[in-house]
C-alpha atoms as a PDB file:
ATOM      1  CA  UNK A   1     195.687  37.321 149.135  1.00  0.00           C
ATOM      2  CA  UNK A   2     193.238  35.555 146.835  1.00  0.00           C
ATOM      3  CA  UNK A   3     191.122  34.483 149.831  1.00  0.00           C
ATOM      4  CA  UNK A   4     190.782  38.105 150.969  1.00  0.00           C
ATOM      5  CA  UNK A   5     189.680  39.213 147.508  1.00  0.00           C
ATOM      6  CA  UNK A   6     187.133  36.368 147.420  1.00  0.00           C
ATOM      7  CA  UNK A   7     185.785  37.343 150.854  1.00  0.00           C
ATOM      8  CA  UNK A   8     185.495  41.009 149.889  1.00  0.00           C
ATOM      9  CA  UNK A   9     183.587  40.108 146.711  1.00  0.00           C
ATOM     10  CA  UNK A  10     181.335  37.741 148.680  1.00  0.00           C
ATOM     11  CA  UNK A  11     180.541  40.361 151.328  1.00  0.00           C
ATOM     12  CA  UNK A  12     179.914  42.992 148.651  1.00  0.00           C
ATOM     13  CA  UNK A  13     177.482  40.719 146.806  1.00  0.00           C
ATOM     14  CA  UNK A  14     175.503  40.134 150.019  1.00  0.00           C
ATOM     15  CA  UNK A  15     175.407  43.780 151.026  1.00  0.00           C
ATOM     16  CA  UNK A  16     174.723  45.161 147.533  1.00  0.00           C
ATOM     17  CA  UNK A  17     171.027  44.257 147.545  1.00  0.00           C
ATOM     18  CA  UNK A  18     170.391  44.936 151.221  1.00  0.00           C
ATOM     19  CA  UNK A  19     168.514  48.181 150.593  1.00  0.00           C
ATOM     20  CA  UNK A  20     166.724  47.128 147.406  1.00  0.00           C
ATOM     21  CA  UNK A  21     163.381  45.458 146.842  1.00  0.00           C
ATOM     22  CA  UNK A  22     163.750  41.891 145.673  1.00  0.00           C
ATOM     23  CA  UNK A  23     161.578  38.818 145.497  1.00  0.00           C
ATOM     24  CA  UNK A  24     162.368  36.134 148.047  1.00  0.00           C
ATOM     25  CA  UNK A  25     163.227  32.866 146.338  1.00  0.00           C
ATOM     26  CA  UNK A  26     163.206  29.305 147.556  1.00  0.00           C
ATOM     27  CA  UNK A  27     166.959  29.185 146.905  1.00  0.00           C
ATOM     28  CA  UNK A  28     167.742  32.124 149.154  1.00  0.00           C
ATOM     29  CA  UNK A  29     165.324  31.179 151.945  1.00  0.00           C
ATOM     30  CA  UNK A  30     165.670  27.395 152.212  1.00  0.00           C
ATOM     31  CA  UNK A  31     168.310  25.705 150.090  1.00  0.00           C
ATOM     32  CA  UNK A  32     171.360  27.880 150.861  1.00  0.00           C
ATOM     33  CA  UNK A  33     170.880  27.913 154.676  1.00  0.00           C
ATOM     34  CA  UNK A  34     170.113  24.182 154.705  1.00  0.00           C
ATOM     35  CA  UNK A  35     173.205  23.374 152.642  1.00  0.00           C
ATOM     36  CA  UNK A  36     175.329  25.594 154.894  1.00  0.00           C
ATOM     37  CA  UNK A  37     174.039  23.868 158.040  1.00  0.00           C
ATOM     38  CA  UNK A  38     174.715  20.406 156.607  1.00  0.00           C
ATOM     39  CA  UNK A  39     178.255  21.378 155.567  1.00  0.00           C
ATOM     40  CA  UNK A  40     178.900  22.877 159.023  1.00  0.00           C
ATOM     41  CA  UNK A  41     177.752  19.697 160.763  1.00  0.00           C
ATOM     42  CA  UNK A  42     179.883  17.516 158.475  1.00  0.00           C
ATOM     43  CA  UNK A  43     182.901  19.786 158.999  1.00  0.00           C
ATOM     44  CA  UNK A  44     182.553  19.755 162.773  1.00  0.00           C
ATOM     45  CA  UNK A  45     182.148  15.975 162.780  1.00  0.00           C
ATOM     46  CA  UNK A  46     185.571  15.543 161.191  1.00  0.00           C
ATOM     47  CA  UNK A  47     187.424  18.025 163.453  1.00  0.00           C
ATOM     48  CA  UNK A  48     185.556  17.919 166.755  1.00  0.00           C
ATOM     49  CA  UNK A  49     187.538  19.942 169.301  1.00  0.00           C
ATOM     50  CA  UNK A  50     186.543  22.539 171.906  1.00  0.00           C
ATOM     51  CA  UNK A  51     188.172  25.239 169.759  1.00  0.00           C
ATOM     52  CA  UNK A  52     186.070  24.197 166.766  1.00  0.00           C
ATOM     53  CA  UNK A  53     182.917  24.403 168.855  1.00  0.00           C
ATOM     54  CA  UNK A  54     183.913  27.846 170.165  1.00  0.00           C
ATOM     55  CA  UNK A  55     184.581  29.173 166.658  1.00  0.00           C
ATOM     56  CA  UNK A  56     181.282  27.673 165.449  1.00  0.00           C
ATOM     57  CA  UNK A  57     179.379  29.312 168.286  1.00  0.00           C
ATOM     58  CA  UNK A  58     181.023  32.670 167.566  1.00  0.00           C
ATOM     59  CA  UNK A  59     180.206  32.396 163.850  1.00  0.00           C
ATOM     60  CA  UNK A  60     176.581  31.563 164.635  1.00  0.00           C
ATOM     61  CA  UNK A  61     176.359  34.627 166.891  1.00  0.00           C
ATOM     62  CA  UNK A  62     177.934  36.838 164.203  1.00  0.00           C
ATOM     63  CA  UNK A  63     175.480  35.438 161.637  1.00  0.00           C
ATOM     64  CA  UNK A  64     172.515  36.188 163.896  1.00  0.00           C
ATOM     65  CA  UNK A  65     173.802  39.723 164.459  1.00  0.00           C
ATOM     66  CA  UNK A  66     174.216  40.299 160.704  1.00  0.00           C
ATOM     67  CA  UNK A  67     170.711  38.949 160.069  1.00  0.00           C
ATOM     68  CA  UNK A  68     169.221  41.273 162.672  1.00  0.00           C
ATOM     69  CA  UNK A  69     171.142  44.213 161.221  1.00  0.00           C
ATOM     70  CA  UNK A  70     169.960  43.494 157.682  1.00  0.00           C
ATOM     71  CA  UNK A  71     166.313  43.107 158.699  1.00  0.00           C
ATOM     72  CA  UNK A  72     166.189  46.122 160.992  1.00  0.00           C
ATOM     73  CA  UNK A  73     164.616  48.420 158.394  1.00  0.00           C
ATOM     74  CA  UNK A  74     162.846  45.865 156.189  1.00  0.00           C
ATOM     75  CA  UNK A  75     159.582  46.991 154.623  1.00  0.00           C
ATOM     76  CA  UNK A  76     157.184  44.759 152.744  1.00  0.00           C
ATOM     77  CA  UNK A  77     156.020  45.925 149.349  1.00  0.00           C
ATOM     78  CA  UNK A  78     152.906  44.228 148.047  1.00  0.00           C
ATOM     79  CA  UNK A  79     152.296  44.594 144.334  1.00  0.00           C
ATOM     80  CA  UNK A  80     149.834  43.188 141.841  1.00  0.00           C
ATOM     81  CA  UNK A  81     152.584  42.139 139.432  1.00  0.00           C
ATOM     82  CA  UNK A  82     152.783  38.521 138.396  1.00  0.00           C
ATOM     83  CA  UNK A  83     155.989  36.540 138.024  1.00  0.00           C
ATOM     84  CA  UNK A  84     156.811  34.265 135.100  1.00  0.00           C
ATOM     85  CA  UNK A  85     154.741  31.401 136.601  1.00  0.00           C
ATOM     86  CA  UNK A  86     151.655  33.573 137.017  1.00  0.00           C
ATOM     87  CA  UNK A  87     151.832  33.969 140.798  1.00  0.00           C
ATOM     88  CA  UNK A  88     151.486  37.359 142.453  1.00  0.00           C
ATOM     89  CA  UNK A  89     154.794  38.812 143.618  1.00  0.00           C
END
């Protein structure tokens, strides 16, 4: 039951900002996907079976589909505001 609540909260946090403007950060664009890929490779290396590969392939396809869905109506907003380091947003 606790796992389901955790998954619902996780999905909600990802979908909450889907329609809002936000600044892309290095954490969200590079570090999190890289960490996830490394953990996936390490996890598959320990339990290498055809079923594991099938589940991994299905999860990759679902992830691609979610990414395409979230970026379907993306619009870029260019502003002249500066962030805390002085760079344009």
